[in-house]
N, C-alpha and C. Protein backbone atom coordinates (compact mmCIF):
# COMPACT_ATOMS: atom_id res chain seq x y z
N MET A 1 9.02 -195.84 -94.64
CA MET A 1 10.31 -196.68 -94.34
C MET A 1 11.20 -196.80 -92.96
N ALA A 2 11.34 -198.08 -93.00
CA ALA A 2 12.15 -198.41 -91.08
C ALA A 2 13.10 -198.11 -91.30
N ARG A 3 13.00 -197.63 -90.01
CA ARG A 3 14.58 -197.17 -89.14
C ARG A 3 15.48 -198.13 -89.33
N MET A 4 16.46 -197.59 -89.23
CA MET A 4 17.97 -198.91 -89.01
C MET A 4 18.33 -199.03 -87.17
N ALA A 5 18.79 -200.52 -87.16
CA ALA A 5 19.00 -200.24 -85.82
C ALA A 5 19.58 -199.35 -85.41
N PRO A 6 19.57 -198.67 -84.04
CA PRO A 6 20.63 -197.64 -83.61
C PRO A 6 22.06 -198.26 -83.25
N THR A 7 23.00 -198.90 -83.89
CA THR A 7 23.66 -199.14 -83.47
C THR A 7 25.16 -198.63 -84.44
N ARG A 8 26.29 -198.82 -83.42
CA ARG A 8 27.41 -197.83 -84.31
C ARG A 8 27.88 -198.34 -85.48
N GLY A 9 27.91 -199.58 -85.55
CA GLY A 9 27.75 -200.54 -86.58
C GLY A 9 27.01 -199.93 -87.94
N ASN A 10 26.00 -199.52 -87.63
CA ASN A 10 25.33 -198.84 -88.76
C ASN A 10 25.46 -197.08 -88.89
N LEU A 11 25.88 -196.72 -88.19
CA LEU A 11 26.56 -195.36 -88.35
C LEU A 11 27.23 -195.13 -88.92
N VAL A 12 28.53 -196.28 -88.62
CA VAL A 12 29.30 -196.14 -89.41
C VAL A 12 29.06 -196.50 -90.89
N LYS A 13 28.15 -197.25 -91.20
CA LYS A 13 27.80 -197.57 -92.86
C LYS A 13 26.97 -196.39 -93.21
N LEU A 14 26.03 -195.67 -92.48
CA LEU A 14 25.11 -194.33 -93.03
C LEU A 14 26.04 -193.26 -93.66
N ARG A 15 27.46 -193.18 -92.50
CA ARG A 15 28.28 -192.09 -92.70
C ARG A 15 29.12 -192.39 -94.30
N LYS A 16 29.51 -193.38 -94.22
CA LYS A 16 30.10 -194.08 -95.63
C LYS A 16 29.48 -193.85 -96.58
N ALA A 17 28.22 -194.61 -96.75
CA ALA A 17 26.69 -194.20 -97.64
C ALA A 17 26.82 -192.48 -97.64
N LEU A 18 26.58 -191.57 -96.77
CA LEU A 18 26.53 -190.15 -97.09
C LEU A 18 27.85 -189.81 -97.68
N SER A 19 28.74 -190.05 -97.60
CA SER A 19 30.33 -189.58 -98.07
C SER A 19 30.53 -190.39 -99.78
N GLN A 20 29.55 -191.21 -100.34
CA GLN A 20 29.56 -191.96 -101.15
C GLN A 20 28.64 -190.92 -102.31
N ALA A 21 27.30 -190.91 -100.99
CA ALA A 21 25.97 -190.23 -102.21
C ALA A 21 26.87 -188.37 -102.18
N THR A 22 27.41 -187.88 -101.24
CA THR A 22 28.08 -186.38 -101.67
C THR A 22 28.93 -186.49 -102.55
N ASN A 23 30.24 -187.17 -102.64
CA ASN A 23 30.94 -187.30 -104.05
C ASN A 23 29.86 -187.43 -105.40
N GLY A 24 29.15 -188.65 -105.26
CA GLY A 24 28.64 -188.84 -106.35
C GLY A 24 28.02 -187.49 -107.08
N HIS A 25 27.11 -187.07 -105.90
CA HIS A 25 26.40 -185.97 -106.23
C HIS A 25 27.20 -184.89 -106.46
N ASN A 26 28.18 -184.42 -106.38
CA ASN A 26 29.46 -183.66 -106.79
C ASN A 26 30.02 -184.16 -108.75
N LEU A 27 30.00 -184.95 -108.35
CA LEU A 27 30.33 -185.57 -109.67
C LEU A 27 29.53 -185.27 -110.71
N LEU A 28 27.84 -185.70 -110.72
CA LEU A 28 27.29 -185.83 -111.63
C LEU A 28 26.70 -183.89 -111.83
N GLU A 29 27.09 -183.24 -110.85
CA GLU A 29 26.65 -182.00 -111.17
C GLU A 29 27.52 -181.57 -111.84
N ARG A 30 29.00 -182.18 -111.86
CA ARG A 30 30.11 -180.95 -112.44
C ARG A 30 29.91 -182.05 -114.57
N LYS A 31 29.21 -183.03 -114.36
CA LYS A 31 28.84 -183.48 -115.64
C LYS A 31 27.88 -182.95 -115.92
N ARG A 32 26.99 -182.69 -115.70
CA ARG A 32 26.14 -181.67 -116.14
C ARG A 32 26.06 -180.52 -116.22
N GLN A 33 26.76 -179.66 -115.84
CA GLN A 33 27.54 -178.56 -116.37
C GLN A 33 28.23 -178.85 -117.49
N VAL A 34 29.14 -179.51 -117.97
CA VAL A 34 30.15 -179.77 -118.88
C VAL A 34 29.03 -179.93 -120.01
N LEU A 35 28.28 -180.73 -119.58
CA LEU A 35 27.00 -181.24 -120.95
C LEU A 35 26.52 -180.29 -121.48
N MET A 36 26.09 -179.73 -120.36
CA MET A 36 25.22 -178.35 -120.34
C MET A 36 26.10 -177.37 -121.90
N LEU A 37 27.31 -176.97 -120.76
CA LEU A 37 27.88 -176.45 -122.24
C LEU A 37 28.18 -177.11 -123.43
N GLU A 38 28.24 -177.63 -123.24
CA GLU A 38 28.83 -178.77 -125.02
C GLU A 38 27.65 -179.02 -125.87
N MET A 39 25.96 -178.54 -125.07
CA MET A 39 24.69 -178.36 -126.08
C MET A 39 24.74 -177.57 -126.43
N VAL A 40 25.11 -176.03 -125.20
CA VAL A 40 24.90 -175.09 -125.75
C VAL A 40 25.39 -174.44 -127.18
N ARG A 41 26.65 -174.85 -126.88
CA ARG A 41 27.36 -174.69 -128.04
C ARG A 41 27.34 -175.22 -129.46
N HIS A 42 26.53 -176.47 -129.37
CA HIS A 42 25.80 -177.01 -130.60
C HIS A 42 24.53 -176.61 -130.74
N ILE A 43 23.92 -175.34 -130.03
CA ILE A 43 22.51 -175.60 -129.89
C ILE A 43 22.92 -174.21 -130.84
N ASP A 44 23.80 -173.44 -130.71
CA ASP A 44 24.22 -172.35 -131.40
C ASP A 44 24.76 -172.33 -132.86
N SER A 45 25.58 -173.50 -132.97
CA SER A 45 25.93 -174.17 -134.27
C SER A 45 25.02 -174.14 -134.97
N ALA A 46 23.91 -175.33 -134.32
CA ALA A 46 22.41 -175.43 -135.03
C ALA A 46 22.03 -174.12 -135.29
N ARG A 47 21.76 -173.46 -135.04
CA ARG A 47 20.86 -172.50 -135.15
C ARG A 47 21.43 -171.31 -136.29
N ASP A 48 23.16 -171.05 -136.41
CA ASP A 48 23.29 -170.96 -137.28
C ASP A 48 23.27 -171.84 -138.94
N LEU A 49 23.38 -172.96 -138.97
CA LEU A 49 23.19 -173.80 -139.80
C LEU A 49 21.73 -174.06 -140.28
N GLN A 50 20.95 -174.36 -139.47
CA GLN A 50 19.50 -174.26 -139.93
C GLN A 50 19.40 -172.69 -140.90
N HIS A 51 19.89 -171.83 -140.60
CA HIS A 51 19.84 -170.87 -141.42
C HIS A 51 20.60 -170.92 -142.95
N ASP A 52 21.72 -171.37 -143.15
CA ASP A 52 22.59 -171.81 -143.84
C ASP A 52 21.86 -173.24 -144.60
N VAL A 53 21.54 -173.82 -143.98
CA VAL A 53 20.45 -174.87 -144.92
C VAL A 53 19.55 -174.24 -146.02
N MET A 54 18.48 -173.66 -145.24
CA MET A 54 17.56 -172.86 -145.76
C MET A 54 18.12 -171.83 -146.82
N LYS A 55 19.09 -171.34 -146.75
CA LYS A 55 19.38 -170.86 -147.93
C LYS A 55 20.22 -171.32 -148.88
N THR A 56 20.61 -172.51 -148.79
CA THR A 56 21.53 -173.04 -149.92
C THR A 56 20.42 -173.96 -150.72
N PHE A 57 19.83 -174.49 -149.85
CA PHE A 57 18.48 -175.36 -150.44
C PHE A 57 17.78 -174.09 -151.29
N THR A 58 17.28 -172.82 -151.12
CA THR A 58 16.72 -172.10 -151.58
C THR A 58 17.35 -171.59 -153.38
N ASP A 59 18.60 -171.55 -153.49
CA ASP A 59 19.92 -171.66 -154.29
C ASP A 59 19.60 -172.94 -155.00
N ALA A 60 19.75 -173.88 -154.22
CA ALA A 60 19.55 -175.20 -155.13
C ALA A 60 18.52 -175.28 -155.83
N TYR A 61 17.71 -175.03 -155.65
CA TYR A 61 16.20 -175.13 -156.09
C TYR A 61 16.04 -173.70 -157.33
N GLY A 62 16.63 -172.94 -157.28
CA GLY A 62 17.03 -171.78 -158.29
C GLY A 62 17.66 -171.99 -159.16
N ALA A 63 18.73 -173.30 -159.22
CA ALA A 63 19.39 -173.92 -160.35
C ALA A 63 18.75 -174.88 -160.95
N LEU A 64 18.51 -175.38 -160.03
CA LEU A 64 17.30 -176.46 -160.75
C LEU A 64 16.33 -176.40 -161.69
N ARG A 65 15.98 -175.13 -161.10
CA ARG A 65 14.35 -174.45 -162.24
C ARG A 65 15.31 -174.20 -163.24
N LYS A 66 16.80 -173.66 -163.41
CA LYS A 66 17.30 -172.78 -164.52
C LYS A 66 17.58 -174.16 -165.47
N ALA A 67 18.18 -175.49 -164.66
CA ALA A 67 18.76 -176.44 -165.52
C ALA A 67 17.39 -177.16 -166.19
N ASN A 68 16.14 -177.25 -165.44
CA ASN A 68 14.94 -177.93 -166.18
C ASN A 68 14.84 -176.97 -167.21
N ILE A 69 14.94 -175.49 -167.15
CA ILE A 69 14.72 -174.65 -168.47
C ILE A 69 15.34 -174.60 -169.61
N SER A 70 16.63 -175.07 -169.27
CA SER A 70 17.85 -175.31 -170.46
C SER A 70 17.70 -176.96 -170.78
N LEU A 71 17.55 -177.97 -170.14
CA LEU A 71 17.60 -178.93 -170.71
C LEU A 71 15.88 -179.58 -170.65
N GLY A 72 15.11 -179.44 -170.42
CA GLY A 72 14.34 -179.85 -169.99
C GLY A 72 13.65 -180.98 -168.69
N ILE A 73 12.90 -181.02 -168.37
CA ILE A 73 12.46 -181.90 -167.21
C ILE A 73 12.80 -183.27 -167.21
N ASP A 74 12.42 -183.83 -168.20
CA ASP A 74 12.37 -185.24 -168.75
C ASP A 74 14.27 -185.70 -168.52
N THR A 75 14.96 -184.44 -169.37
CA THR A 75 16.59 -184.77 -169.19
C THR A 75 17.48 -184.64 -168.12
N VAL A 76 16.28 -183.56 -167.44
CA VAL A 76 16.96 -183.69 -166.24
C VAL A 76 17.07 -184.61 -164.77
N GLU A 77 15.88 -185.44 -165.54
CA GLU A 77 15.60 -186.67 -164.27
C GLU A 77 16.52 -187.69 -165.15
N ASP A 78 16.59 -187.85 -166.31
CA ASP A 78 17.36 -188.80 -166.73
C ASP A 78 18.96 -188.68 -165.92
N ILE A 79 19.49 -187.53 -166.08
CA ILE A 79 20.96 -187.42 -165.62
C ILE A 79 20.90 -187.71 -163.96
N ALA A 80 19.71 -187.10 -163.13
CA ALA A 80 19.96 -187.29 -161.45
C ALA A 80 19.73 -188.38 -161.74
N GLY A 81 18.99 -189.44 -163.03
CA GLY A 81 18.72 -190.81 -162.12
C GLY A 81 20.61 -191.70 -162.30
N SER A 82 21.03 -190.98 -163.11
CA SER A 82 22.77 -191.17 -163.13
C SER A 82 23.33 -191.29 -162.33
N VAL A 83 22.71 -190.57 -161.51
CA VAL A 83 24.09 -189.88 -160.52
C VAL A 83 24.19 -191.09 -159.04
N PRO A 84 25.10 -192.05 -158.92
CA PRO A 84 24.96 -193.02 -157.86
C PRO A 84 25.29 -192.27 -156.40
N VAL A 85 24.46 -193.35 -155.53
CA VAL A 85 24.35 -193.01 -154.33
C VAL A 85 25.56 -192.93 -153.62
N THR A 86 25.85 -191.71 -152.74
CA THR A 86 26.86 -191.61 -152.18
C THR A 86 27.18 -192.51 -150.99
N ASP A 87 28.28 -192.83 -151.26
CA ASP A 87 29.15 -193.72 -149.90
C ASP A 87 30.28 -193.26 -148.86
N GLU A 88 30.02 -191.66 -149.08
CA GLU A 88 31.67 -191.20 -148.56
C GLU A 88 31.40 -190.36 -147.84
N ILE A 89 30.07 -190.80 -146.68
CA ILE A 89 29.87 -190.39 -145.94
C ILE A 89 30.52 -191.04 -144.34
N VAL A 90 31.41 -190.78 -143.93
CA VAL A 90 32.05 -191.29 -142.89
C VAL A 90 31.31 -190.68 -141.61
N VAL A 91 31.11 -191.68 -140.76
CA VAL A 91 30.67 -191.25 -139.28
C VAL A 91 31.51 -191.78 -138.24
N ARG A 92 31.93 -191.08 -137.03
CA ARG A 92 32.76 -192.02 -136.19
C ARG A 92 31.68 -190.87 -134.72
N LEU A 93 32.18 -191.96 -133.69
CA LEU A 93 31.62 -191.39 -132.49
C LEU A 93 32.87 -190.53 -131.45
N ARG A 94 32.72 -189.60 -130.96
CA ARG A 94 33.62 -189.12 -129.68
C ARG A 94 32.59 -189.20 -128.47
N SER A 95 33.54 -189.54 -127.21
CA SER A 95 32.67 -189.72 -126.33
C SER A 95 32.83 -187.76 -125.45
N VAL A 96 31.91 -187.22 -124.82
CA VAL A 96 31.84 -186.34 -123.78
C VAL A 96 31.29 -186.69 -122.64
N MET A 97 32.08 -187.08 -121.50
CA MET A 97 31.38 -187.75 -120.13
C MET A 97 30.63 -188.53 -120.39
N GLY A 98 31.32 -189.41 -121.15
CA GLY A 98 30.05 -190.43 -121.30
C GLY A 98 29.47 -190.79 -122.43
N VAL A 99 29.10 -189.47 -123.29
CA VAL A 99 27.97 -189.94 -124.15
C VAL A 99 28.67 -189.59 -125.64
N GLU A 100 28.27 -190.51 -126.13
CA GLU A 100 28.74 -190.49 -127.68
C GLU A 100 27.67 -189.74 -128.86
N ILE A 101 28.92 -188.82 -129.27
CA ILE A 101 27.99 -187.87 -130.50
C ILE A 101 28.48 -187.97 -131.34
N PRO A 102 28.06 -187.69 -132.69
CA PRO A 102 28.67 -188.16 -133.99
C PRO A 102 29.80 -187.24 -134.51
N ASP A 103 30.65 -187.25 -135.26
CA ASP A 103 31.57 -186.92 -136.04
C ASP A 103 31.88 -187.03 -137.11
N ILE A 104 31.35 -186.23 -137.95
CA ILE A 104 31.18 -186.91 -139.54
C ILE A 104 31.92 -186.08 -140.20
N ASP A 105 33.06 -186.78 -141.16
CA ASP A 105 33.63 -185.97 -142.00
C ASP A 105 33.21 -185.38 -143.04
N GLU A 106 33.99 -184.28 -143.10
CA GLU A 106 32.78 -183.00 -143.86
C GLU A 106 32.94 -183.74 -145.39
N VAL A 107 31.66 -183.14 -145.88
CA VAL A 107 31.71 -183.88 -147.41
C VAL A 107 31.96 -183.10 -148.57
N SER A 108 32.48 -183.34 -149.35
CA SER A 108 33.28 -182.45 -150.47
C SER A 108 32.66 -181.91 -151.36
N VAL A 109 32.35 -180.34 -151.80
CA VAL A 109 31.62 -180.42 -152.71
C VAL A 109 31.83 -180.20 -153.86
N SER A 110 33.07 -180.46 -154.20
CA SER A 110 33.50 -180.18 -155.77
C SER A 110 32.74 -180.99 -156.65
N VAL A 111 33.21 -180.73 -158.04
CA VAL A 111 32.41 -181.09 -159.12
C VAL A 111 32.84 -182.03 -159.32
N ASN A 112 32.37 -183.17 -159.51
CA ASN A 112 32.78 -184.79 -160.32
C ASN A 112 31.89 -185.52 -160.60
N PRO A 113 31.01 -185.14 -161.90
CA PRO A 113 30.14 -185.45 -162.09
C PRO A 113 29.89 -186.81 -162.58
N SER A 114 28.94 -187.50 -162.73
CA SER A 114 28.91 -188.80 -163.52
C SER A 114 28.08 -189.10 -164.82
N TYR A 115 27.62 -187.50 -164.84
CA TYR A 115 26.94 -187.81 -166.67
C TYR A 115 27.75 -186.90 -167.41
N SER A 116 27.57 -187.16 -168.38
CA SER A 116 28.19 -186.66 -169.50
C SER A 116 28.23 -185.23 -170.11
N PHE A 117 29.10 -184.53 -170.16
CA PHE A 117 29.27 -182.83 -170.30
C PHE A 117 28.92 -182.66 -171.91
N LEU A 118 28.88 -183.55 -172.44
CA LEU A 118 28.03 -183.18 -174.11
C LEU A 118 26.68 -183.24 -173.92
N SER A 119 25.76 -183.74 -173.17
CA SER A 119 24.32 -184.21 -172.92
C SER A 119 23.67 -183.23 -171.77
N SER A 120 24.75 -182.56 -171.49
CA SER A 120 24.10 -180.98 -170.52
C SER A 120 24.92 -179.70 -170.88
N THR A 121 24.30 -178.85 -169.90
CA THR A 121 24.71 -177.67 -170.05
C THR A 121 25.31 -177.36 -168.55
N GLY A 122 25.89 -175.42 -168.69
CA GLY A 122 26.80 -175.26 -167.51
C GLY A 122 25.60 -175.35 -166.54
N ALA A 123 24.17 -175.04 -166.84
CA ALA A 123 22.96 -174.77 -165.97
C ALA A 123 23.08 -176.41 -165.20
N MET A 124 23.42 -177.20 -165.80
CA MET A 124 23.31 -178.64 -164.85
C MET A 124 24.54 -178.43 -164.15
N ASP A 125 25.29 -178.52 -164.72
CA ASP A 125 26.84 -178.66 -163.57
C ASP A 125 26.12 -177.52 -162.58
N ASP A 126 25.42 -176.05 -162.73
CA ASP A 126 25.55 -175.66 -161.43
C ASP A 126 24.33 -176.13 -160.32
N ALA A 127 23.28 -176.88 -160.96
CA ALA A 127 22.27 -177.48 -160.27
C ALA A 127 23.06 -178.49 -159.47
N TYR A 128 23.76 -179.01 -159.64
CA TYR A 128 24.82 -180.41 -159.53
C TYR A 128 25.65 -180.01 -158.13
N LEU A 129 26.44 -178.60 -158.52
CA LEU A 129 27.07 -178.10 -157.71
C LEU A 129 26.36 -177.81 -156.14
N SER A 130 25.31 -176.92 -156.85
CA SER A 130 24.23 -176.60 -155.27
C SER A 130 23.59 -177.50 -154.71
N PHE A 131 23.43 -178.63 -155.17
CA PHE A 131 22.87 -179.71 -154.60
C PHE A 131 23.90 -180.31 -153.77
N ARG A 132 25.16 -180.70 -154.16
CA ARG A 132 26.36 -180.82 -153.39
C ARG A 132 26.61 -180.37 -152.19
N LYS A 133 26.38 -178.72 -152.50
CA LYS A 133 26.27 -178.34 -151.30
C LYS A 133 25.11 -178.61 -150.26
N VAL A 134 24.08 -178.82 -150.78
CA VAL A 134 22.72 -179.17 -149.87
C VAL A 134 23.49 -180.32 -149.15
N LEU A 135 23.53 -181.48 -149.46
CA LEU A 135 24.01 -182.60 -149.22
C LEU A 135 25.48 -182.22 -147.99
N SER A 136 26.12 -181.32 -148.12
CA SER A 136 27.27 -181.17 -147.37
C SER A 136 26.48 -180.68 -146.10
N ALA A 137 25.70 -179.47 -146.32
CA ALA A 137 25.29 -178.34 -145.45
C ALA A 137 24.20 -179.44 -143.90
N LEU A 138 23.64 -180.91 -145.08
CA LEU A 138 23.14 -181.48 -144.66
C LEU A 138 23.42 -182.74 -143.48
N VAL A 139 24.48 -182.85 -144.06
CA VAL A 139 25.35 -183.48 -143.20
C VAL A 139 26.21 -183.34 -141.83
N THR A 140 26.13 -181.93 -141.80
CA THR A 140 26.80 -181.20 -140.75
C THR A 140 25.61 -180.73 -139.75
N LEU A 141 24.60 -180.54 -140.57
CA LEU A 141 23.57 -180.03 -139.69
C LEU A 141 22.44 -181.61 -138.76
N ALA A 142 23.05 -182.90 -139.45
CA ALA A 142 22.44 -184.09 -138.74
C ALA A 142 23.64 -184.69 -137.58
N GLU A 143 24.84 -184.10 -138.18
CA GLU A 143 25.93 -184.52 -137.18
C GLU A 143 25.21 -183.40 -135.43
N VAL A 144 25.12 -182.09 -135.78
CA VAL A 144 24.98 -181.13 -134.95
C VAL A 144 23.62 -181.62 -134.03
N GLU A 145 22.35 -181.43 -134.99
CA GLU A 145 21.30 -181.94 -134.01
C GLU A 145 21.36 -183.34 -133.25
N THR A 146 21.98 -184.24 -133.88
CA THR A 146 22.07 -185.66 -133.58
C THR A 146 22.81 -185.34 -132.03
N SER A 147 23.84 -184.63 -132.08
CA SER A 147 24.14 -184.10 -130.63
C SER A 147 23.57 -183.75 -129.90
N VAL A 148 22.79 -182.25 -129.95
CA VAL A 148 22.22 -181.76 -129.18
C VAL A 148 21.34 -182.82 -128.43
N TYR A 149 20.27 -183.85 -129.86
CA TYR A 149 19.23 -184.82 -129.03
C TYR A 149 20.19 -185.85 -128.19
N ARG A 150 21.32 -186.28 -128.31
CA ARG A 150 21.92 -187.00 -127.33
C ARG A 150 22.39 -186.50 -125.71
N LEU A 151 22.52 -185.46 -126.25
CA LEU A 151 23.33 -184.43 -125.03
C LEU A 151 22.12 -184.14 -123.96
N ALA A 152 20.95 -183.81 -124.76
CA ALA A 152 19.94 -183.35 -124.34
C ALA A 152 19.07 -184.44 -123.13
N VAL A 153 18.73 -185.73 -123.91
CA VAL A 153 18.83 -186.98 -123.13
C VAL A 153 19.47 -187.50 -122.17
N GLN A 154 20.72 -187.38 -122.21
CA GLN A 154 21.71 -187.57 -120.83
C GLN A 154 21.72 -186.84 -119.79
N ILE A 155 21.48 -184.88 -120.18
CA ILE A 155 21.37 -184.26 -119.38
C ILE A 155 20.09 -184.32 -118.39
N ARG A 156 18.94 -184.54 -119.19
CA ARG A 156 17.62 -185.13 -118.43
C ARG A 156 18.02 -186.07 -117.61
N ARG A 157 18.92 -187.31 -117.87
CA ARG A 157 19.00 -188.32 -116.94
C ARG A 157 19.97 -188.32 -115.68
N THR A 158 20.52 -187.14 -115.97
CA THR A 158 21.49 -186.58 -115.03
C THR A 158 20.89 -185.58 -113.97
N HIS A 159 20.16 -184.97 -114.51
CA HIS A 159 19.47 -184.16 -113.74
C HIS A 159 18.79 -184.92 -112.89
N ARG A 160 17.95 -186.06 -113.27
CA ARG A 160 17.28 -186.75 -112.55
C ARG A 160 17.99 -187.42 -110.90
N ARG A 161 19.11 -187.97 -111.74
CA ARG A 161 19.81 -188.38 -110.60
C ARG A 161 20.62 -188.03 -109.70
N VAL A 162 21.01 -186.36 -110.05
CA VAL A 162 21.02 -185.27 -109.42
C VAL A 162 20.24 -184.53 -108.04
N ASN A 163 18.59 -184.45 -108.50
CA ASN A 163 17.67 -184.48 -107.69
C ASN A 163 17.72 -185.69 -106.72
N ALA A 164 17.73 -186.85 -106.69
CA ALA A 164 17.28 -187.85 -106.26
C ALA A 164 18.52 -187.78 -105.39
N LEU A 165 19.60 -187.75 -105.29
CA LEU A 165 20.35 -187.72 -104.27
C LEU A 165 20.43 -186.45 -103.62
N GLU A 166 20.26 -185.53 -104.21
CA GLU A 166 20.02 -183.72 -103.65
C GLU A 166 19.22 -183.68 -102.69
N LYS A 167 17.78 -184.43 -103.37
CA LYS A 167 16.68 -183.96 -102.59
C LYS A 167 16.19 -185.59 -101.32
N VAL A 168 16.59 -186.37 -101.82
CA VAL A 168 15.84 -188.27 -101.39
C VAL A 168 17.38 -188.71 -100.45
N VAL A 169 18.34 -189.15 -101.02
CA VAL A 169 19.24 -189.84 -100.46
C VAL A 169 20.02 -189.19 -99.45
N ILE A 170 20.76 -188.26 -99.88
CA ILE A 170 21.58 -187.40 -99.08
C ILE A 170 20.80 -187.01 -97.63
N PRO A 171 19.47 -186.60 -97.88
CA PRO A 171 18.61 -185.96 -96.59
C PRO A 171 18.45 -187.20 -95.75
N MET A 172 17.67 -188.37 -96.21
CA MET A 172 17.84 -189.40 -95.83
C MET A 172 18.80 -190.02 -94.81
N ASN A 173 20.08 -190.07 -95.33
CA ASN A 173 20.75 -190.59 -94.65
C ASN A 173 21.31 -189.67 -93.31
N ARG A 174 21.41 -188.72 -93.62
CA ARG A 174 21.42 -187.41 -92.78
C ARG A 174 20.66 -187.66 -91.65
N ARG A 175 19.37 -187.66 -92.05
CA ARG A 175 18.58 -187.75 -91.06
C ARG A 175 18.77 -189.24 -90.24
N GLU A 176 18.68 -190.53 -90.49
CA GLU A 176 19.04 -191.92 -90.19
C GLU A 176 19.95 -191.52 -89.24
N GLY A 177 21.39 -190.91 -89.58
CA GLY A 177 22.60 -190.56 -89.09
C GLY A 177 22.58 -189.85 -87.88
N ALA A 178 21.61 -188.92 -87.72
CA ALA A 178 21.43 -187.82 -86.90
C ALA A 178 20.06 -189.03 -85.59
N PHE A 179 19.76 -189.50 -85.99
CA PHE A 179 18.64 -190.21 -84.85
C PHE A 179 19.56 -191.31 -84.42
N ILE A 180 20.24 -192.06 -85.45
CA ILE A 180 21.31 -193.17 -84.44
C ILE A 180 22.64 -192.27 -83.60
N GLU A 181 22.68 -191.03 -84.32
CA GLU A 181 24.00 -190.41 -82.94
C GLU A 181 22.59 -190.28 -82.01
N ASP A 182 21.59 -189.23 -81.90
CA ASP A 182 21.35 -189.11 -80.63
C ASP A 182 20.64 -190.11 -79.78
N THR A 183 20.33 -191.46 -80.61
CA THR A 183 20.23 -192.73 -80.00
C THR A 183 21.03 -193.14 -79.08
N LEU A 184 22.51 -192.98 -79.71
CA LEU A 184 23.38 -193.58 -78.97
C LEU A 184 24.01 -192.50 -77.96
N GLU A 185 23.81 -191.18 -78.41
CA GLU A 185 24.12 -190.23 -77.10
C GLU A 185 23.22 -190.67 -75.63
N GLU A 186 21.94 -190.70 -76.52
CA GLU A 186 21.09 -190.65 -74.98
C GLU A 186 21.37 -192.06 -74.15
N GLY A 187 21.67 -193.08 -75.11
CA GLY A 187 21.83 -194.69 -74.32
C GLY A 187 23.49 -194.51 -73.57
N GLU A 188 24.23 -193.30 -73.99
CA GLU A 188 25.17 -193.27 -73.05
C GLU A 188 24.95 -192.44 -72.02
N ARG A 189 24.06 -191.79 -72.03
CA ARG A 189 23.79 -190.69 -70.83
C ARG A 189 23.15 -191.62 -69.74
N GLU A 190 22.21 -192.46 -70.61
CA GLU A 190 21.60 -193.42 -69.22
C GLU A 190 22.93 -194.56 -68.70
N ASP A 191 23.53 -194.88 -69.25
CA ASP A 191 24.34 -195.74 -69.00
C ASP A 191 25.27 -194.87 -67.78
N PHE A 192 25.42 -193.78 -67.99
CA PHE A 192 26.68 -193.05 -67.28
C PHE A 192 25.57 -192.88 -65.74
N VAL A 193 24.15 -192.59 -65.94
CA VAL A 193 23.46 -192.24 -64.76
C VAL A 193 23.58 -193.29 -63.86
N ARG A 194 23.05 -194.68 -64.84
CA ARG A 194 23.01 -195.85 -63.85
C ARG A 194 24.44 -196.24 -63.32
N MET A 195 25.30 -196.08 -63.90
CA MET A 195 26.59 -196.23 -63.11
C MET A 195 26.86 -195.64 -61.95
N LYS A 196 26.54 -193.89 -61.98
CA LYS A 196 26.29 -193.45 -60.71
C LYS A 196 25.47 -193.65 -59.71
N ILE A 197 24.35 -194.23 -60.27
CA ILE A 197 23.96 -194.62 -59.16
C ILE A 197 24.28 -195.90 -58.46
N ALA A 198 24.82 -197.06 -59.35
CA ALA A 198 25.44 -198.10 -58.95
C ALA A 198 26.83 -197.42 -57.81
N LYS A 199 27.22 -196.85 -58.52
CA LYS A 199 28.34 -196.60 -57.39
C LYS A 199 28.02 -195.83 -56.11
N GLY A 200 27.36 -195.15 -56.33
CA GLY A 200 26.40 -194.41 -55.24
C GLY A 200 25.93 -195.42 -53.84
N SER A 201 25.31 -196.51 -54.85
CA SER A 201 24.56 -197.77 -53.67
C SER A 201 25.60 -198.36 -53.28
N ARG A 202 26.96 -198.75 -54.04
CA ARG A 202 27.79 -199.45 -53.81
C ARG A 202 28.92 -198.74 -51.96
N GLU A 203 28.94 -197.58 -52.81
CA GLU A 203 29.94 -196.85 -51.54
C GLU A 203 28.97 -196.52 -50.58
N LYS A 204 27.75 -196.36 -50.75
CA LYS A 204 27.24 -196.36 -49.29
C LYS A 204 26.73 -197.87 -48.33
N ARG A 205 26.49 -199.22 -49.21
CA ARG A 205 27.13 -200.10 -48.81
C ARG A 205 28.13 -200.39 -47.51
N GLU A 206 29.28 -200.19 -48.71
CA GLU A 206 30.39 -200.34 -47.89
C GLU A 206 30.53 -199.22 -47.04
N SER A 207 30.13 -198.21 -46.69
CA SER A 207 30.15 -196.97 -45.43
C SER A 207 29.76 -197.96 -44.81
N GLY A 208 27.99 -198.36 -44.96
CA GLY A 208 27.37 -199.10 -43.74
C GLY A 208 27.91 -200.01 -43.24
N ALA A 209 28.69 -201.25 -43.69
CA ALA A 209 29.47 -202.26 -43.45
C ALA A 209 30.34 -201.99 -42.56
N LYS A 210 31.21 -200.77 -43.10
CA LYS A 210 31.85 -200.44 -42.09
C LYS A 210 31.65 -199.96 -40.82
N ALA A 211 30.67 -199.21 -40.73
CA ALA A 211 30.10 -198.68 -39.40
C ALA A 211 29.41 -199.75 -38.70
N GLU A 212 29.00 -200.83 -38.93
CA GLU A 212 28.56 -201.85 -38.16
C GLU A 212 30.13 -202.32 -37.90
N ALA A 213 30.85 -202.73 -38.61
CA ALA A 213 32.17 -203.51 -37.95
C ALA A 213 32.84 -202.86 -36.90
N GLU A 214 32.43 -201.49 -36.93
CA GLU A 214 33.41 -200.60 -36.00
C GLU A 214 32.57 -200.71 -34.78
């Protein structure tokens, strides 16, 4: 990379750029720390939720087996086909340091079946309730895992920017600034020496001219 011309104007520009890069580095580092804390919190939640989801699935399939035995697989399939696709999942977004992560309303697990009680049994009601719990658990897990993914992506991007500022931009500005300062100081010393020499020569000429006049 070509060096900047060693002028005072460029030195001022470099100092301003260094100040901006340093402030940007500090802000990004704080952002990274906040995002890391948020992600760790979600990871802890995801770990617990994954265990709960597995247990909920196990219970639900156990209840489904009982319903199949009680009513028969064909009847259970017919009843399942009458259950409408849910439209009660509401997804909102909230911002964490500029990262939009989902905030999903909790899905109710209350029983509100769309099938006739006359054509079903208590085993079917238990299966229905169990799979409502599965739906609720999956929605919560999806919210947490999506949040972890989005936070991880942003943390990785922020980490690259922090490293670029810390290991490339800031050191380069400091080196360039030091080079210009040294060059300007050297030029000032040379100017001072030339002025001293010129002053001595002038004084010598003036002394010589005065001696001739006398």
